[in-house]
Amino acid sequence: MSIADSLHQADNVVAKMIEIGPAKARLTVKDLLIRGFLSRALLGFATMLVLTATTQTGLGPDLCHNIRHHS
């Protein structure tokens, strides 16, 4: 992928964000609360998955520390 392609994709993302903005501004309080709850639940699930995998495999901060300092 060239730099021009990357910039074109970034422009598309920005255009979509601008297009979707007004629709999000019209969301009801109920919809905002539901989206907020679901996003927090997903973040909590992802965090617990990472912590569980790190604990069970023993690959924790020491591994990351070693990779950073040996590269």
Protein backbone atom coordinates (compact mmCIF):
# COMPACT_ATOMS: atom_id res chain seq x y z
CA MET A 1 0.00 0.00 0.00
CA SER A 2 1.42 3.36 -0.99
CA ILE A 3 1.33 6.56 1.01
CA ALA A 4 -1.18 8.01 -1.46
CA ASP A 5 -3.52 5.07 -0.85
CA SER A 6 -3.20 5.51 2.91
CA LEU A 7 -4.00 9.22 2.65
CA HIS A 8 -6.99 8.47 0.42
CA GLN A 9 -8.31 5.97 2.98
CA ALA A 10 -7.79 8.51 5.77
CA ASP A 11 -9.76 11.09 3.77
CA ASN A 12 -12.58 8.56 3.37
CA VAL A 13 -12.66 7.91 7.12
CA VAL A 14 -12.81 11.63 7.89
CA ALA A 15 -15.59 12.14 5.32
CA LYS A 16 -17.63 9.30 6.87
CA MET A 17 -17.11 10.71 10.37
CA ILE A 18 -18.38 14.11 9.23
CA GLU A 19 -21.34 12.44 7.52
CA ILE A 20 -22.29 10.37 10.59
CA GLY A 21 -21.80 13.19 13.13
CA PRO A 22 -25.26 14.80 12.82
CA ALA A 23 -26.98 11.41 13.15
CA LYS A 24 -25.11 10.72 16.39
CA ALA A 25 -26.02 14.17 17.70
CA ARG A 26 -29.71 13.26 17.38
CA LEU A 27 -29.46 10.10 19.50
CA THR A 28 -31.80 9.92 22.47
CA VAL A 29 -30.56 9.66 26.03
CA LYS A 30 -31.73 6.04 26.12
CA ASP A 31 -29.63 5.20 23.04
CA LEU A 32 -26.59 6.97 24.50
CA LEU A 33 -26.91 5.05 27.75
CA ILE A 34 -27.26 1.73 25.94
CA ARG A 35 -24.22 2.44 23.75
CA GLY A 36 -22.23 3.57 26.77
CA PHE A 37 -23.11 0.44 28.73
CA LEU A 38 -22.27 -1.88 25.84
CA SER A 39 -18.94 -0.16 25.15
CA ARG A 40 -17.95 -0.40 28.83
CA ALA A 41 -18.94 -4.08 28.88
CA LEU A 42 -16.84 -4.78 25.78
CA LEU A 43 -13.85 -2.93 27.24
CA GLY A 44 -14.23 -4.85 30.50
CA PHE A 45 -14.38 -8.16 28.63
CA ALA A 46 -11.28 -7.32 26.59
CA THR A 47 -9.39 -6.26 29.72
CA MET A 48 -10.27 -9.46 31.55
CA LEU A 49 -9.27 -11.53 28.51
CA VAL A 50 -5.85 -9.86 28.42
CA LEU A 51 -5.33 -10.22 32.17
CA THR A 52 -6.40 -13.88 32.12
CA ALA A 53 -4.16 -14.71 29.16
CA THR A 54 -1.22 -12.88 30.72
CA THR A 55 -1.68 -14.64 34.05
CA GLN A 56 -2.17 -18.12 32.62
CA THR A 57 0.70 -17.97 30.13
CA GLY A 58 3.17 -16.16 32.35
CA LEU A 59 3.90 -13.74 29.51
CA GLY A 60 3.54 -10.45 31.23
CA PRO A 61 5.35 -7.15 31.56
CA ASP A 62 8.73 -8.90 31.69
CA LEU A 63 8.30 -10.15 28.13
CA CYS A 64 7.36 -6.69 26.89
CA HIS A 65 10.29 -5.17 28.78
CA ASN A 66 12.73 -7.64 27.20
CA ILE A 67 11.39 -7.06 23.67
CA ARG A 68 11.63 -3.28 24.03
CA HIS A 69 15.22 -3.33 25.25
CA HIS A 70 16.58 -5.95 22.84
CA SER A 71 15.24 -4.53 19.60
